[in-house]
Every structure is written in C-alpha cells, then in structure tokens.
Amino acid sequence: MAEKQRIMIVDDDSNISELISLYLEKEMFDTMCAEDGEEALRLFPEYKPNLVILDLMLPGIDGYEVCRRLRTASQVPVIMLSAKGETFDKVLGLELGADDYMIKPFESKELVARVKAVLRRYQHKQEQTTASTDSVRSHAVSEGEEALRSGNYIEYTDLIINKTNYSVFFKGHAIEMPPKELELLFFLASSPNQVFTREQLLDHIWGYEFAGDSRTVDVHIKRLREKISGNTEWEISTVWGIGYKFRVG
C-alpha cells in the first residue's frame, strides 16, 4: 500500500484546522496540526510533510516568517491562507515562496482541490528533475559553479541557472532567489528571444489553478532585474503591450 501523503496544517483557529484535517483525511491524506509558527517550525523536520497549509495571521511568528524560514531549508509546497485579500498580501506571500494563496472564508472542497493540484505540479517538477541527471563540465571552474553545472541547468555569459538544486550563479557569485523567481527565470531563459504574455507565464509557473493577479509576474520580473543586470549579451526584456522575453544577442 502506498504511503499516505502528509499535510501540515498551521492555524491558530482549532475549528478551521480540524475542518481542513477532516476533509483531507477523507481524501486519504495524513494530517498534523500546529497552532502557531513556533510549533510548526519545531514539528516540520520530524513530520516531513509533503505540503504545508499555512495561515498568515499567527500569534508570535507570523505566516510570512514561517514561510521564509521553511524556504531556507526546503522546497516543500506551501498554500497560504489569509483573511486579507489585497494584491500586495498575495504578492508578498508568493514572493516568499508560497505556491498558492486562498482567502478566508473558503470552500473546503476547493482547498482540497488546490492541495491536489499543487502536489501534482510539485511531483511533476520532481520527476523532471530526477530525469535530468547528466553532464558535469570538465573545464576548470570554482567549486560553486561546478555544482551548478550538474543536472538540469542553463548557461549564458556570466549566468548559470540550475533547476536541479535551485541555484543561480551570476558574475561569479551565488544569487539568492525564491523558488518562483528562479522558475520564472529558468523558463524564460529556456526559450531565448521568445515572447510570453503575463497570462502564459502565470499558467506555466504558477499553474492553471492559480487565481492571483497578473501583476505578480511584474513584481517577480522587477526582482529578477534587480538581482541580475548589467550584461550586454542578454537581458529580461519587456515587450510593451504583450509581456516579456529573455533577449539574447
């Protein structure tokens, strides 16, 4: 029998946690509930969940900080829950590495569907990563660059993007990036000079089920430009009225 997938639910409202847990267990998931951010961070390494459902408004350590700390050690999918519906809050949560965002109150069945969709996307990415296990370049490079030139990676002048270990090297330095920023950069760089609309980028990076604003793409592009700029051979270029492309040449 296949092992049940584990879902950690982090919410200080026990009624909401129990309701979510009930629906997920009916779908054959295993669940664990944490009442605050500190408890979630303590239980996470031992429980090793396949996905985290994370409320933003937690006592003590809030959901934003919990997500930030999780992302320093794990790429486990995170679905954020919040009573806030402003675009800024959604974008901030997604920038910190969340994979989806739901506003309270929500339908439990929709949440279960979102959980399944996020897990499918995550598992698909893992399968792609596992299948891409080749080629370490033989020429002399630094130890950091050597690790980046293994598995599923793209290389341009001054830039290496590795989707296997979620690392970016720019002008000889490692660049910190949340998962969605890196995935967006990798996707654009995989198709040089091809123009993508914001909607296409949302579909490819966040998935068809994502209900967020297309401005999410603009925010991520802005962050990428702040981190990797100044190369004359390539750039992330705006195609006015359409979207973006990774311009080469």
C-alpha atoms as a PDB file:
ATOM      1  CA  MET A   1       0.000   0.000   0.000  1.00  0.00           C
ATOM      2  CA  ALA A   2       1.320   3.431  -0.962  1.00  0.00           C
ATOM      3  CA  GLU A   3       2.314   5.687   1.896  1.00  0.00           C
ATOM      4  CA  LYS A   4      -0.161   8.477   2.601  1.00  0.00           C
ATOM      5  CA  GLN A   5       0.949  11.976   1.710  1.00  0.00           C
ATOM      6  CA  ARG A   6       1.428  14.145   4.783  1.00  0.00           C
ATOM      7  CA  ILE A   7      -0.150  17.592   5.124  1.00  0.00           C
ATOM      8  CA  MET A   8       0.776  20.002   7.921  1.00  0.00           C
ATOM      9  CA  ILE A   9      -1.965  22.495   8.828  1.00  0.00           C
ATOM     10  CA  VAL A  10      -0.788  25.632  10.648  1.00  0.00           C
ATOM     11  CA  ASP A  11      -3.638  27.748  12.049  1.00  0.00           C
ATOM     12  CA  ASP A  12      -4.369  29.151  15.486  1.00  0.00           C
ATOM     13  CA  ASP A  13      -8.109  28.520  14.978  1.00  0.00           C
ATOM     14  CA  SER A  14      -8.585  24.885  16.008  1.00  0.00           C
ATOM     15  CA  ASN A  15     -12.027  24.734  14.389  1.00  0.00           C
ATOM     16  CA  ILE A  16     -10.571  25.599  10.981  1.00  0.00           C
ATOM     17  CA  SER A  17      -7.658  23.176  11.427  1.00  0.00           C
ATOM     18  CA  GLU A  18      -9.986  20.338  12.410  1.00  0.00           C
ATOM     19  CA  LEU A  19     -12.315  21.015   9.475  1.00  0.00           C
ATOM     20  CA  ILE A  20      -9.448  21.055   6.969  1.00  0.00           C
ATOM     21  CA  SER A  21      -7.991  17.918   8.552  1.00  0.00           C
ATOM     22  CA  LEU A  22     -11.330  16.128   8.313  1.00  0.00           C
ATOM     23  CA  TYR A  23     -11.721  16.850   4.609  1.00  0.00           C
ATOM     24  CA  LEU A  24      -8.122  15.896   3.821  1.00  0.00           C
ATOM     25  CA  GLU A  25      -8.294  12.642   5.768  1.00  0.00           C
ATOM     26  CA  LYS A  26     -11.423  11.707   3.805  1.00  0.00           C
ATOM     27  CA  GLU A  27      -9.211  12.023   0.711  1.00  0.00           C
ATOM     28  CA  MET A  28      -6.674   9.645   2.280  1.00  0.00           C
ATOM     29  CA  PHE A  29      -4.132  12.247   3.374  1.00  0.00           C
ATOM     30  CA  ASP A  30      -2.335  12.082   6.717  1.00  0.00           C
ATOM     31  CA  THR A  31      -2.506  15.364   8.643  1.00  0.00           C
ATOM     32  CA  MET A  32      -0.803  17.119  11.541  1.00  0.00           C
ATOM     33  CA  CYS A  33      -1.972  20.419  13.060  1.00  0.00           C
ATOM     34  CA  ALA A  34       0.152  23.162  14.608  1.00  0.00           C
ATOM     35  CA  GLU A  35      -1.344  26.119  16.475  1.00  0.00           C
ATOM     36  CA  ASP A  36       1.415  28.655  15.841  1.00  0.00           C
ATOM     37  CA  GLY A  37       4.554  29.302  13.818  1.00  0.00           C
ATOM     38  CA  GLU A  38       6.976  28.188  16.500  1.00  0.00           C
ATOM     39  CA  GLU A  39       5.257  24.807  16.858  1.00  0.00           C
ATOM     40  CA  ALA A  40       5.139  24.379  13.074  1.00  0.00           C
ATOM     41  CA  LEU A  41       8.883  25.019  12.689  1.00  0.00           C
ATOM     42  CA  ARG A  42       9.623  22.616  15.533  1.00  0.00           C
ATOM     43  CA  LEU A  43       7.442  19.794  14.149  1.00  0.00           C
ATOM     44  CA  PHE A  44       8.354  20.258  10.476  1.00  0.00           C
ATOM     45  CA  PRO A  45      11.709  18.384  10.417  1.00  0.00           C
ATOM     46  CA  GLU A  46      10.272  15.346  12.189  1.00  0.00           C
ATOM     47  CA  TYR A  47       6.925  15.161  10.382  1.00  0.00           C
ATOM     48  CA  LYS A  48       8.422  15.907   6.929  1.00  0.00           C
ATOM     49  CA  PRO A  49       5.153  16.965   5.292  1.00  0.00           C
ATOM     50  CA  ASN A  50       4.553  16.785   1.557  1.00  0.00           C
ATOM     51  CA  LEU A  51       2.693  20.099   1.741  1.00  0.00           C
ATOM     52  CA  VAL A  52       2.037  22.859   4.291  1.00  0.00           C
ATOM     53  CA  ILE A  53      -1.232  24.785   4.642  1.00  0.00           C
ATOM     54  CA  LEU A  54      -0.160  27.982   6.392  1.00  0.00           C
ATOM     55  CA  ASP A  55      -2.298  30.733   7.906  1.00  0.00           C
ATOM     56  CA  LEU A  56      -0.723  34.194   7.710  1.00  0.00           C
ATOM     57  CA  MET A  57      -2.122  35.733  10.880  1.00  0.00           C
ATOM     58  CA  LEU A  58      -0.460  33.570  13.528  1.00  0.00           C
ATOM     59  CA  PRO A  59       0.468  34.577  17.080  1.00  0.00           C
ATOM     60  CA  GLY A  60       4.185  35.124  17.640  1.00  0.00           C
ATOM     61  CA  ILE A  61       5.933  34.150  14.415  1.00  0.00           C
ATOM     62  CA  ASP A  62       3.561  35.060  11.574  1.00  0.00           C
ATOM     63  CA  GLY A  63       2.973  33.022   8.431  1.00  0.00           C
ATOM     64  CA  TYR A  64       5.246  35.193   6.290  1.00  0.00           C
ATOM     65  CA  GLU A  65       8.201  34.491   8.563  1.00  0.00           C
ATOM     66  CA  VAL A  66       7.355  30.783   8.827  1.00  0.00           C
ATOM     67  CA  CYS A  67       7.323  30.538   5.023  1.00  0.00           C
ATOM     68  CA  ARG A  68      10.622  32.423   4.782  1.00  0.00           C
ATOM     69  CA  ARG A  69      12.286  30.056   7.244  1.00  0.00           C
ATOM     70  CA  LEU A  70      10.867  26.948   5.576  1.00  0.00           C
ATOM     71  CA  ARG A  71      12.239  28.114   2.246  1.00  0.00           C
ATOM     72  CA  THR A  72      15.777  28.307   3.622  1.00  0.00           C
ATOM     73  CA  ALA A  73      15.779  24.536   4.131  1.00  0.00           C
ATOM     74  CA  SER A  74      13.053  23.009   1.959  1.00  0.00           C
ATOM     75  CA  GLN A  75      11.138  23.358  -1.305  1.00  0.00           C
ATOM     76  CA  VAL A  76       8.014  21.704   0.153  1.00  0.00           C
ATOM     77  CA  PRO A  77       4.860  23.259  -1.373  1.00  0.00           C
ATOM     78  CA  VAL A  78       3.078  25.889   0.729  1.00  0.00           C
ATOM     79  CA  ILE A  79      -0.524  27.070   0.405  1.00  0.00           C
ATOM     80  CA  MET A  80      -1.133  30.292   2.329  1.00  0.00           C
ATOM     81  CA  LEU A  81      -4.479  31.114   3.980  1.00  0.00           C
ATOM     82  CA  SER A  82      -5.494  34.641   4.892  1.00  0.00           C
ATOM     83  CA  ALA A  83      -8.490  36.836   5.615  1.00  0.00           C
ATOM     84  CA  LYS A  84      -6.621  39.528   3.684  1.00  0.00           C
ATOM     85  CA  GLY A  85      -7.496  39.841   0.018  1.00  0.00           C
ATOM     86  CA  GLU A  86      -5.319  42.723  -1.152  1.00  0.00           C
ATOM     87  CA  THR A  87      -2.997  42.109  -4.085  1.00  0.00           C
ATOM     88  CA  PHE A  88       0.002  43.252  -2.013  1.00  0.00           C
ATOM     89  CA  ASP A  89      -0.547  40.492   0.543  1.00  0.00           C
ATOM     90  CA  LYS A  90      -0.893  37.854  -2.162  1.00  0.00           C
ATOM     91  CA  VAL A  91       2.216  39.027  -3.985  1.00  0.00           C
ATOM     92  CA  LEU A  92       4.255  39.185  -0.778  1.00  0.00           C
ATOM     93  CA  GLY A  93       3.256  35.648   0.132  1.00  0.00           C
ATOM     94  CA  LEU A  94       4.111  34.363  -3.340  1.00  0.00           C
ATOM     95  CA  GLU A  95       7.413  36.237  -3.349  1.00  0.00           C
ATOM     96  CA  LEU A  96       8.380  34.452  -0.154  1.00  0.00           C
ATOM     97  CA  GLY A  97       7.924  31.145  -1.941  1.00  0.00           C
ATOM     98  CA  ALA A  98       4.275  30.162  -1.435  1.00  0.00           C
ATOM     99  CA  ASP A  99       2.815  28.028  -4.225  1.00  0.00           C
ATOM    100  CA  ASP A 100      -0.807  29.129  -3.849  1.00  0.00           C
ATOM    101  CA  TYR A 101      -2.928  31.569  -1.836  1.00  0.00           C
ATOM    102  CA  MET A 102      -6.522  31.250  -0.607  1.00  0.00           C
ATOM    103  CA  ILE A 103      -8.688  33.869   1.072  1.00  0.00           C
ATOM    104  CA  LYS A 104     -10.859  33.057   4.079  1.00  0.00           C
ATOM    105  CA  PRO A 105     -13.638  32.069   4.177  1.00  0.00           C
ATOM    106  CA  PHE A 106     -13.125  29.328   1.606  1.00  0.00           C
ATOM    107  CA  GLU A 107     -14.861  26.167   0.493  1.00  0.00           C
ATOM    108  CA  SER A 108     -13.182  23.115   1.986  1.00  0.00           C
ATOM    109  CA  LYS A 109     -13.655  21.180  -1.243  1.00  0.00           C
ATOM    110  CA  GLU A 110     -11.851  23.910  -3.170  1.00  0.00           C
ATOM    111  CA  LEU A 111      -8.965  23.784  -0.710  1.00  0.00           C
ATOM    112  CA  VAL A 112      -8.688  20.012  -1.161  1.00  0.00           C
ATOM    113  CA  ALA A 113      -8.669  20.520  -4.941  1.00  0.00           C
ATOM    114  CA  ARG A 114      -5.919  23.145  -4.599  1.00  0.00           C
ATOM    115  CA  VAL A 115      -3.878  20.777  -2.420  1.00  0.00           C
ATOM    116  CA  LYS A 116      -4.109  18.045  -5.042  1.00  0.00           C
ATOM    117  CA  ALA A 117      -3.240  20.448  -7.868  1.00  0.00           C
ATOM    118  CA  VAL A 118      -0.183  21.872  -6.082  1.00  0.00           C
ATOM    119  CA  LEU A 119       1.040  18.375  -5.203  1.00  0.00           C
ATOM    120  CA  ARG A 120       0.639  17.274  -8.834  1.00  0.00           C
ATOM    121  CA  ARG A 121       2.716  20.211 -10.063  1.00  0.00           C
ATOM    122  CA  TYR A 122       5.374  19.651  -7.418  1.00  0.00           C
ATOM    123  CA  GLN A 123       5.636  15.926  -8.132  1.00  0.00           C
ATOM    124  CA  HIS A 124       5.845  16.601 -11.863  1.00  0.00           C
ATOM    125  CA  LYS A 125       8.735  19.001 -11.308  1.00  0.00           C
ATOM    126  CA  GLN A 126      10.492  16.435  -9.124  1.00  0.00           C
ATOM    127  CA  GLU A 127      10.120  13.804 -11.840  1.00  0.00           C
ATOM    128  CA  GLN A 128      11.572  16.191 -14.412  1.00  0.00           C
ATOM    129  CA  THR A 129      14.478  16.952 -12.095  1.00  0.00           C
ATOM    130  CA  THR A 130      15.172  13.264 -11.451  1.00  0.00           C
ATOM    131  CA  ALA A 131      15.175  12.577 -15.183  1.00  0.00           C
ATOM    132  CA  SER A 132      17.744  15.322 -15.824  1.00  0.00           C
ATOM    133  CA  THR A 133      20.915  13.837 -14.333  1.00  0.00           C
ATOM    134  CA  ASP A 134      23.776  14.481 -16.734  1.00  0.00           C
ATOM    135  CA  SER A 135      26.878  16.217 -17.705  1.00  0.00           C
ATOM    136  CA  VAL A 136      29.396  17.890 -15.404  1.00  0.00           C
ATOM    137  CA  ARG A 137      31.663  20.201 -17.394  1.00  0.00           C
ATOM    138  CA  SER A 138      35.321  19.192 -17.383  1.00  0.00           C
ATOM    139  CA  HIS A 139      36.955  22.620 -17.636  1.00  0.00           C
ATOM    140  CA  ALA A 140      38.271  24.313 -14.513  1.00  0.00           C
ATOM    141  CA  VAL A 141      35.650  26.229 -12.587  1.00  0.00           C
ATOM    142  CA  SER A 142      35.077  27.161  -8.988  1.00  0.00           C
ATOM    143  CA  GLU A 143      33.516  24.616  -6.655  1.00  0.00           C
ATOM    144  CA  GLY A 144      30.229  26.551  -6.588  1.00  0.00           C
ATOM    145  CA  GLU A 145      29.987  26.702 -10.368  1.00  0.00           C
ATOM    146  CA  GLU A 146      30.929  23.027 -10.650  1.00  0.00           C
ATOM    147  CA  ALA A 147      27.876  22.084  -8.591  1.00  0.00           C
ATOM    148  CA  LEU A 148      25.695  24.294 -10.775  1.00  0.00           C
ATOM    149  CA  ARG A 149      26.876  22.598 -13.957  1.00  0.00           C
ATOM    150  CA  SER A 150      25.255  19.314 -12.995  1.00  0.00           C
ATOM    151  CA  GLY A 151      21.729  18.127 -13.700  1.00  0.00           C
ATOM    152  CA  ASN A 152      19.162  20.418 -15.307  1.00  0.00           C
ATOM    153  CA  TYR A 153      20.834  23.777 -15.953  1.00  0.00           C
ATOM    154  CA  ILE A 154      21.073  26.619 -18.472  1.00  0.00           C
ATOM    155  CA  GLU A 155      24.200  28.698 -19.020  1.00  0.00           C
ATOM    156  CA  TYR A 156      24.806  32.105 -20.588  1.00  0.00           C
ATOM    157  CA  THR A 157      27.696  34.528 -20.244  1.00  0.00           C
ATOM    158  CA  ASP A 158      28.026  35.374 -16.520  1.00  0.00           C
ATOM    159  CA  LEU A 159      24.884  33.368 -15.697  1.00  0.00           C
ATOM    160  CA  ILE A 160      24.150  29.774 -14.686  1.00  0.00           C
ATOM    161  CA  ILE A 161      20.610  28.746 -13.652  1.00  0.00           C
ATOM    162  CA  ASN A 162      20.296  25.272 -12.145  1.00  0.00           C
ATOM    163  CA  LYS A 163      16.782  23.897 -11.646  1.00  0.00           C
ATOM    164  CA  THR A 164      18.009  20.642 -10.118  1.00  0.00           C
ATOM    165  CA  ASN A 165      19.433  22.264  -6.988  1.00  0.00           C
ATOM    166  CA  TYR A 166      17.577  25.610  -7.344  1.00  0.00           C
ATOM    167  CA  SER A 167      20.730  27.715  -7.578  1.00  0.00           C
ATOM    168  CA  VAL A 168      21.773  30.751  -9.609  1.00  0.00           C
ATOM    169  CA  PHE A 169      25.333  31.937 -10.224  1.00  0.00           C
ATOM    170  CA  PHE A 170      25.814  35.453 -11.662  1.00  0.00           C
ATOM    171  CA  LYS A 171      29.201  37.049 -12.373  1.00  0.00           C
ATOM    172  CA  GLY A 172      30.955  34.571 -10.098  1.00  0.00           C
ATOM    173  CA  HIS A 173      28.572  34.922  -7.156  1.00  0.00           C
ATOM    174  CA  ALA A 174      25.689  32.797  -5.854  1.00  0.00           C
ATOM    175  CA  ILE A 175      22.386  34.704  -6.009  1.00  0.00           C
ATOM    176  CA  GLU A 176      19.613  34.034  -3.508  1.00  0.00           C
ATOM    177  CA  MET A 177      16.216  33.565  -5.180  1.00  0.00           C
ATOM    178  CA  PRO A 178      12.829  32.309  -4.007  1.00  0.00           C
ATOM    179  CA  PRO A 179      11.654  29.243  -5.979  1.00  0.00           C
ATOM    180  CA  LYS A 180       9.146  31.102  -8.161  1.00  0.00           C
ATOM    181  CA  GLU A 181      11.707  33.723  -9.191  1.00  0.00           C
ATOM    182  CA  LEU A 182      14.147  31.019 -10.202  1.00  0.00           C
ATOM    183  CA  GLU A 183      11.485  29.018 -12.057  1.00  0.00           C
ATOM    184  CA  LEU A 184      10.400  32.141 -13.951  1.00  0.00           C
ATOM    185  CA  LEU A 185      13.996  32.967 -14.921  1.00  0.00           C
ATOM    186  CA  PHE A 186      14.688  29.366 -15.947  1.00  0.00           C
ATOM    187  CA  PHE A 187      11.520  29.230 -18.064  1.00  0.00           C
ATOM    188  CA  LEU A 188      12.303  32.474 -19.906  1.00  0.00           C
ATOM    189  CA  ALA A 189      15.966  31.571 -20.417  1.00  0.00           C
ATOM    190  CA  SER A 190      14.972  28.140 -21.761  1.00  0.00           C
ATOM    191  CA  SER A 191      13.339  29.864 -24.754  1.00  0.00           C
ATOM    192  CA  PRO A 192      15.626  32.781 -25.685  1.00  0.00           C
ATOM    193  CA  ASN A 193      14.006  35.610 -27.664  1.00  0.00           C
ATOM    194  CA  GLN A 194      10.540  34.031 -27.382  1.00  0.00           C
ATOM    195  CA  VAL A 195       7.845  36.418 -26.145  1.00  0.00           C
ATOM    196  CA  PHE A 196       5.463  35.251 -23.399  1.00  0.00           C
ATOM    197  CA  THR A 197       2.371  37.053 -22.172  1.00  0.00           C
ATOM    198  CA  ARG A 198       1.838  37.536 -18.453  1.00  0.00           C
ATOM    199  CA  GLU A 199      -1.017  35.034 -18.600  1.00  0.00           C
ATOM    200  CA  GLN A 200       1.221  32.405 -20.236  1.00  0.00           C
ATOM    201  CA  LEU A 201       3.852  32.928 -17.557  1.00  0.00           C
ATOM    202  CA  LEU A 202       1.249  32.631 -14.803  1.00  0.00           C
ATOM    203  CA  ASP A 203      -0.007  29.369 -16.327  1.00  0.00           C
ATOM    204  CA  HIS A 204       3.480  27.877 -16.727  1.00  0.00           C
ATOM    205  CA  ILE A 205       4.965  28.936 -13.381  1.00  0.00           C
ATOM    206  CA  TRP A 206       2.008  29.147 -11.004  1.00  0.00           C
ATOM    207  CA  GLY A 207      -0.332  26.731 -12.779  1.00  0.00           C
ATOM    208  CA  TYR A 208      -3.802  26.995 -14.292  1.00  0.00           C
ATOM    209  CA  GLU A 209      -5.459  26.823 -10.857  1.00  0.00           C
ATOM    210  CA  PHE A 210      -3.676  29.973  -9.624  1.00  0.00           C
ATOM    211  CA  ALA A 211      -6.223  32.714  -9.010  1.00  0.00           C
ATOM    212  CA  GLY A 212      -3.775  35.575  -8.490  1.00  0.00           C
ATOM    213  CA  ASP A 213      -3.219  38.841 -10.346  1.00  0.00           C
ATOM    214  CA  SER A 214      -1.031  39.105 -13.471  1.00  0.00           C
ATOM    215  CA  ARG A 215       0.893  41.842 -11.641  1.00  0.00           C
ATOM    216  CA  THR A 216       2.513  39.005  -9.733  1.00  0.00           C
ATOM    217  CA  VAL A 217       4.619  38.429 -12.866  1.00  0.00           C
ATOM    218  CA  ASP A 218       5.639  42.113 -12.998  1.00  0.00           C
ATOM    219  CA  VAL A 219       6.793  42.021  -9.376  1.00  0.00           C
ATOM    220  CA  HIS A 220       8.893  38.902  -9.957  1.00  0.00           C
ATOM    221  CA  ILE A 221      10.442  40.354 -13.134  1.00  0.00           C
ATOM    222  CA  LYS A 222      11.355  43.523 -11.232  1.00  0.00           C
ATOM    223  CA  ARG A 223      13.065  41.439  -8.524  1.00  0.00           C
ATOM    224  CA  LEU A 224      14.986  39.433 -11.122  1.00  0.00           C
ATOM    225  CA  ARG A 225      16.241  42.578 -12.836  1.00  0.00           C
ATOM    226  CA  GLU A 226      17.451  43.946  -9.512  1.00  0.00           C
ATOM    227  CA  LYS A 227      19.484  40.773  -8.930  1.00  0.00           C
ATOM    228  CA  ILE A 228      20.872  40.055 -12.415  1.00  0.00           C
ATOM    229  CA  SER A 229      21.567  43.051 -14.620  1.00  0.00           C
ATOM    230  CA  GLY A 230      24.438  44.692 -16.438  1.00  0.00           C
ATOM    231  CA  ASN A 231      25.209  42.022 -19.034  1.00  0.00           C
ATOM    232  CA  THR A 232      25.211  43.296 -22.645  1.00  0.00           C
ATOM    233  CA  GLU A 233      24.703  39.878 -24.256  1.00  0.00           C
ATOM    234  CA  TRP A 234      21.334  39.088 -22.664  1.00  0.00           C
ATOM    235  CA  GLU A 235      18.570  40.678 -20.591  1.00  0.00           C
ATOM    236  CA  ILE A 236      14.995  40.182 -19.453  1.00  0.00           C
ATOM    237  CA  SER A 237      13.259  42.463 -21.912  1.00  0.00           C
ATOM    238  CA  THR A 238       9.772  43.992 -21.772  1.00  0.00           C
ATOM    239  CA  VAL A 239       7.704  43.657 -24.943  1.00  0.00           C
ATOM    240  CA  TRP A 240       5.274  46.526 -24.452  1.00  0.00           C
ATOM    241  CA  GLY A 241       1.633  45.579 -24.601  1.00  0.00           C
ATOM    242  CA  ILE A 242       2.439  41.870 -24.645  1.00  0.00           C
ATOM    243  CA  GLY A 243       4.760  40.577 -21.927  1.00  0.00           C
ATOM    244  CA  TYR A 244       8.402  39.574 -21.523  1.00  0.00           C
ATOM    245  CA  LYS A 245      11.232  37.688 -23.187  1.00  0.00           C
ATOM    246  CA  PHE A 246      14.798  36.646 -22.392  1.00  0.00           C
ATOM    247  CA  ARG A 247      16.617  38.634 -25.080  1.00  0.00           C
ATOM    248  CA  VAL A 248      19.869  37.172 -26.350  1.00  0.00           C
ATOM    249  CA  GLY A 249      22.208  38.847 -28.849  1.00  0.00           C
END
